[in-house]
Amino acid sequence: MLDEPPAEDQPQTNPSGDGYWDETLLLLTQRIEQDPTNAASWSHRGVLLKHLGDYKGAARDFKESLRLDPNSLYTLRWRGDLYTKMGQHSEAMAMYNKAIALAPEDAKGYFRRGEGYHEQELYDEAIADFTRAIDLDPAQPLPYLSRAESRDEIKDYDGALSDFETFFRLERECDELIAEAHALRAHTYMELEMYQEAVADFSAKLEFTPHDAEIILMRGRAYLRAGNREKALEDRASALAIDPNILKVS
């Protein structure tokens, strides 16, 4: 498994528990000790450390990986993601731009830079990059979802709904991602005052995360605006039972 990089553009989930990550970290460390010139091992451990929240360790490993292999697209993109996570946006853009310069026909570079632009609230630039990624690889679902988010931010709700529809048609494997997309589309429906549709999407999200107090409360608000006060009060009570402080932060 570790000889191949993990899927770059999918959420890193862990169905096996914390022990899986501990074992993987140990294995990668052993590989680095056995062959410190293997750039891929440094990069893979950097990705794992980023996932675990050890940004300093991840930065160290990505730096060493790029010293050994300066043109690794995989490492450049992941180092860009790390910089984005740390709020170092100019450094992130430098990584993404280099990856794109090295592989201008690779959709991943544009997708990842688009994510970086979105984090900076540069939504037009993000949409342009997501569109380029889609043009290069139209079968990948994630750029449609990300473009939908950016389009929602600039109030292009029709465009966002179109992208959500394409995402749901293409994505069949990652239940967590599908659930998150339902929550995102529900927000778009709320803006459009399509409250019954919003209720349906919030409910779809809750099938995956049934104890998410914030989503329950938001579904209650959709029920209320749709004219179903009884259901709205039920959701409000359920949300408060899970998180008594939910009304203070929502």
Protein backbone atom coordinates (compact mmCIF):
# COMPACT_ATOMS: atom_id res chain seq x y z
CA MET A 1 0.00 0.00 0.00
CA LEU A 2 2.73 2.47 0.94
CA ASP A 3 4.58 2.04 -2.35
CA GLU A 4 1.74 3.98 -3.99
CA PRO A 5 0.69 7.44 -2.80
CA PRO A 6 -2.79 7.75 -1.32
CA ALA A 7 -5.53 9.27 -3.45
CA GLU A 8 -4.67 12.96 -3.37
CA ASP A 9 -8.08 14.45 -3.89
CA GLN A 10 -10.15 12.31 -1.55
CA PRO A 11 -10.74 13.03 2.14
CA GLN A 12 -8.38 11.06 4.34
CA THR A 13 -10.68 8.90 6.44
CA ASN A 14 -9.68 6.26 8.96
CA PRO A 15 -12.07 3.36 9.49
CA SER A 16 -9.42 1.31 11.28
CA GLY A 17 -8.85 3.41 14.39
CA ASP A 18 -5.85 5.30 15.71
CA GLY A 19 -3.71 2.17 15.77
CA TYR A 20 -3.65 2.15 11.98
CA TRP A 21 -1.99 5.55 11.85
CA ASP A 22 0.51 4.65 14.58
CA GLU A 23 1.53 1.52 12.70
CA THR A 24 1.78 3.37 9.40
CA LEU A 25 3.86 6.14 10.96
CA LEU A 26 6.21 3.57 12.46
CA LEU A 27 6.55 1.74 9.14
CA LEU A 28 7.32 4.93 7.23
CA THR A 29 9.87 6.00 9.84
CA GLN A 30 11.56 2.61 9.53
CA ARG A 31 11.67 2.96 5.76
CA ILE A 32 13.27 6.40 6.05
CA GLU A 33 15.86 5.05 8.49
CA GLN A 34 16.64 2.19 6.11
CA ASP A 35 16.86 4.46 3.05
CA PRO A 36 16.96 8.19 3.84
CA THR A 37 17.39 8.97 0.13
CA ASN A 38 13.89 7.75 -0.76
CA ALA A 39 11.95 10.94 -1.44
CA ALA A 40 8.61 9.13 -1.59
CA SER A 41 8.92 7.85 1.97
CA TRP A 42 9.56 11.36 3.28
CA SER A 43 6.59 12.66 1.31
CA HIS A 44 4.22 9.91 2.44
CA ARG A 45 5.17 10.48 6.07
CA GLY A 46 4.64 14.20 5.57
CA VAL A 47 1.10 13.55 4.35
CA LEU A 48 0.42 11.36 7.37
CA LEU A 49 1.83 13.94 9.79
CA LYS A 50 -0.31 16.65 8.18
CA HIS A 51 -3.36 14.44 8.66
CA LEU A 52 -2.41 13.97 12.32
CA GLY A 53 -2.01 17.73 12.83
CA ASP A 54 1.78 17.74 13.18
CA TYR A 55 2.34 20.58 10.72
CA LYS A 56 5.92 21.23 11.81
CA GLY A 57 6.83 17.59 11.23
CA ALA A 58 5.01 17.55 7.91
CA ALA A 59 6.83 20.70 6.76
CA ARG A 60 10.17 19.10 7.66
CA ASP A 61 9.37 15.93 5.72
CA PHE A 62 8.07 17.74 2.63
CA LYS A 63 11.17 19.94 2.60
CA GLU A 64 13.45 16.91 2.69
CA SER A 65 11.41 15.10 0.04
CA LEU A 66 11.69 18.08 -2.31
CA ARG A 67 15.41 18.38 -1.64
CA LEU A 68 15.72 14.81 -2.90
CA ASP A 69 13.19 15.19 -5.72
CA PRO A 70 12.51 18.89 -6.46
CA ASN A 71 10.00 18.17 -9.22
CA SER A 72 7.70 15.73 -7.42
CA LEU A 73 4.18 16.86 -8.34
CA TYR A 74 2.74 14.84 -5.47
CA THR A 75 4.94 16.53 -2.86
CA LEU A 76 4.58 20.00 -4.34
CA ARG A 77 0.80 19.76 -4.17
CA TRP A 78 0.77 18.38 -0.64
CA ARG A 79 3.24 21.00 0.54
CA GLY A 80 0.95 23.60 -1.00
CA ASP A 81 -1.97 22.13 0.93
CA LEU A 82 0.05 22.30 4.14
CA TYR A 83 0.90 25.96 3.56
CA THR A 84 -2.79 26.66 2.85
CA LYS A 85 -3.76 24.95 6.10
CA MET A 86 -1.20 27.09 7.95
CA GLY A 87 -2.47 30.29 6.32
CA GLN A 88 0.77 30.83 4.39
CA HIS A 89 -0.99 31.51 1.12
CA SER A 90 1.82 33.03 -0.92
CA GLU A 91 4.00 29.99 -0.17
CA ALA A 92 1.11 27.70 -1.05
CA MET A 93 0.59 29.42 -4.39
CA ALA A 94 4.28 29.04 -5.18
CA MET A 95 3.99 25.27 -4.70
CA TYR A 96 0.81 24.98 -6.78
CA ASN A 97 2.20 27.20 -9.53
CA LYS A 98 5.35 25.12 -9.80
CA ALA A 99 3.32 21.91 -10.01
CA ILE A 100 1.17 23.41 -12.77
CA ALA A 101 4.23 24.67 -14.66
CA LEU A 102 5.71 21.17 -14.56
CA ALA A 103 2.46 19.47 -15.64
CA PRO A 104 0.12 21.99 -17.28
CA GLU A 105 -2.23 19.24 -18.49
CA ASP A 106 -2.63 17.64 -15.05
CA ALA A 107 -6.04 18.48 -13.59
CA LYS A 108 -4.91 17.93 -9.99
CA GLY A 109 -2.69 21.00 -10.01
CA TYR A 110 -5.54 23.32 -10.97
CA PHE A 111 -7.91 21.67 -8.53
CA ARG A 112 -5.53 22.08 -5.61
CA ARG A 113 -4.71 25.68 -6.52
CA GLY A 114 -8.44 26.34 -6.80
CA GLU A 115 -8.85 25.08 -3.25
CA GLY A 116 -6.12 27.48 -2.18
CA TYR A 117 -7.86 30.39 -3.88
CA HIS A 118 -11.16 29.43 -2.23
CA GLU A 119 -9.50 29.51 1.19
CA GLN A 120 -8.38 33.07 0.42
CA GLU A 121 -11.95 33.97 -0.62
CA LEU A 122 -10.75 34.59 -4.18
CA TYR A 123 -13.78 32.87 -5.60
CA ASP A 124 -13.53 33.96 -9.24
CA GLU A 125 -9.97 32.66 -9.41
CA ALA A 126 -11.05 29.45 -7.68
CA ILE A 127 -13.89 28.93 -10.16
CA ALA A 128 -11.50 29.44 -13.08
CA ASP A 129 -9.13 26.78 -11.73
CA PHE A 130 -11.91 24.31 -10.94
CA THR A 131 -13.26 24.83 -14.46
CA ARG A 132 -9.83 24.13 -15.93
CA ALA A 133 -9.58 20.96 -13.84
CA ILE A 134 -13.01 19.86 -15.08
CA ASP A 135 -12.06 20.56 -18.69
CA LEU A 136 -8.97 18.38 -18.31
CA ASP A 137 -10.67 15.54 -16.42
CA PRO A 138 -14.47 15.83 -16.52
CA ALA A 139 -15.04 12.45 -14.85
CA GLN A 140 -13.63 13.55 -11.48
CA PRO A 141 -16.40 14.57 -9.04
CA LEU A 142 -14.53 16.76 -6.55
CA PRO A 143 -13.90 19.79 -8.79
CA TYR A 144 -17.65 20.06 -9.37
CA LEU A 145 -18.32 20.08 -5.64
CA SER A 146 -15.63 22.67 -4.99
CA ARG A 147 -16.84 24.84 -7.84
CA ALA A 148 -20.37 24.60 -6.43
CA GLU A 149 -19.08 25.96 -3.11
CA SER A 150 -17.31 28.86 -4.82
CA ARG A 151 -20.33 29.61 -7.00
CA ASP A 152 -22.53 29.63 -3.92
CA GLU A 153 -20.23 32.23 -2.35
CA ILE A 154 -20.72 34.60 -5.30
CA LYS A 155 -24.48 33.89 -5.29
CA ASP A 156 -24.42 31.98 -8.57
CA TYR A 157 -26.97 29.57 -7.16
CA ASP A 158 -28.10 28.10 -10.48
CA GLY A 159 -24.50 27.30 -11.34
CA ALA A 160 -23.95 25.82 -7.90
CA LEU A 161 -27.00 23.56 -8.18
CA SER A 162 -25.86 22.36 -11.59
CA ASP A 163 -22.46 21.45 -10.16
CA PHE A 164 -24.02 19.70 -7.17
CA GLU A 165 -26.13 17.62 -9.55
CA THR A 166 -23.08 16.57 -11.55
CA PHE A 167 -21.17 15.75 -8.38
CA PHE A 168 -23.92 13.46 -7.10
CA ARG A 169 -24.08 11.72 -10.47
CA LEU A 170 -20.34 11.03 -10.50
CA GLU A 171 -19.53 10.32 -6.84
CA ARG A 172 -20.61 6.82 -5.80
CA GLU A 173 -17.97 5.70 -3.33
CA CYS A 174 -17.27 8.17 -0.52
CA ASP A 175 -20.34 8.32 1.75
CA GLU A 176 -18.75 10.95 3.97
CA LEU A 177 -18.17 13.26 1.03
CA ILE A 178 -21.68 12.69 -0.32
CA ALA A 179 -23.14 13.56 3.09
CA GLU A 180 -21.10 16.76 3.24
CA ALA A 181 -22.30 17.69 -0.25
CA HIS A 182 -25.91 17.32 0.91
CA ALA A 183 -25.22 19.78 3.74
CA LEU A 184 -23.60 22.25 1.35
CA ARG A 185 -26.46 22.05 -1.13
CA ALA A 186 -28.95 22.53 1.70
CA HIS A 187 -27.36 25.93 2.36
CA THR A 188 -27.84 26.84 -1.29
CA TYR A 189 -31.49 25.79 -1.13
CA MET A 190 -31.94 27.94 1.99
CA GLU A 191 -30.63 30.96 0.10
CA LEU A 192 -33.10 30.21 -2.69
CA GLU A 193 -35.95 29.82 -0.16
CA MET A 194 -36.44 26.22 -1.34
CA TYR A 195 -37.04 25.01 2.18
CA GLN A 196 -38.48 21.55 1.51
CA GLU A 197 -35.45 20.72 -0.62
CA ALA A 198 -33.20 22.04 2.15
CA VAL A 199 -34.96 19.79 4.68
CA ALA A 200 -34.37 16.78 2.42
CA ASP A 201 -30.66 17.54 2.10
CA PHE A 202 -30.16 18.21 5.81
CA SER A 203 -31.92 14.89 6.47
CA ALA A 204 -29.59 13.12 4.04
CA LYS A 205 -26.61 14.57 5.89
CA LEU A 206 -28.06 13.39 9.21
CA GLU A 207 -28.28 9.83 7.95
CA PHE A 208 -24.48 9.87 8.03
CA THR A 209 -24.03 12.04 11.15
CA PRO A 210 -27.26 11.63 13.16
CA HIS A 211 -25.96 13.48 16.23
CA ASP A 212 -24.76 16.64 14.48
CA ALA A 213 -26.52 19.28 16.59
CA GLU A 214 -25.76 22.12 14.19
CA ILE A 215 -27.29 20.33 11.21
CA ILE A 216 -30.33 19.31 13.27
CA LEU A 217 -30.85 22.92 14.32
CA MET A 218 -30.48 24.14 10.75
CA ARG A 219 -32.98 21.57 9.54
CA GLY A 220 -35.33 22.88 12.21
CA ARG A 221 -34.98 26.37 10.78
CA ALA A 222 -35.75 25.00 7.32
CA TYR A 223 -38.83 23.27 8.71
CA LEU A 224 -39.94 26.52 10.34
CA ARG A 225 -39.58 28.51 7.14
CA ALA A 226 -41.42 25.77 5.28
CA GLY A 227 -44.32 26.23 7.70
CA ASN A 228 -43.83 23.08 9.78
CA ARG A 229 -43.54 24.53 13.29
CA GLU A 230 -44.00 21.17 15.01
CA LYS A 231 -41.02 19.59 13.25
CA ALA A 232 -39.01 22.76 13.82
CA LEU A 233 -39.57 22.57 17.58
CA GLU A 234 -38.70 18.86 17.59
CA ASP A 235 -35.37 19.57 15.88
CA ARG A 236 -34.65 22.48 18.20
CA ALA A 237 -35.22 20.26 21.23
CA SER A 238 -33.08 17.47 19.75
CA ALA A 239 -30.22 19.86 19.01
CA LEU A 240 -30.33 21.28 22.54
CA ALA A 241 -30.33 17.78 24.02
CA ILE A 242 -27.10 17.03 22.16
CA ASP A 243 -25.49 20.43 22.75
CA PRO A 244 -27.11 22.69 25.38
CA ASN A 245 -24.97 25.60 24.14
CA ILE A 246 -25.89 25.27 20.47
CA LEU A 247 -28.08 28.39 20.44
CA LYS A 248 -25.18 30.50 21.72
CA VAL A 249 -23.00 29.72 18.71
CA SER A 250 -25.53 29.34 15.89
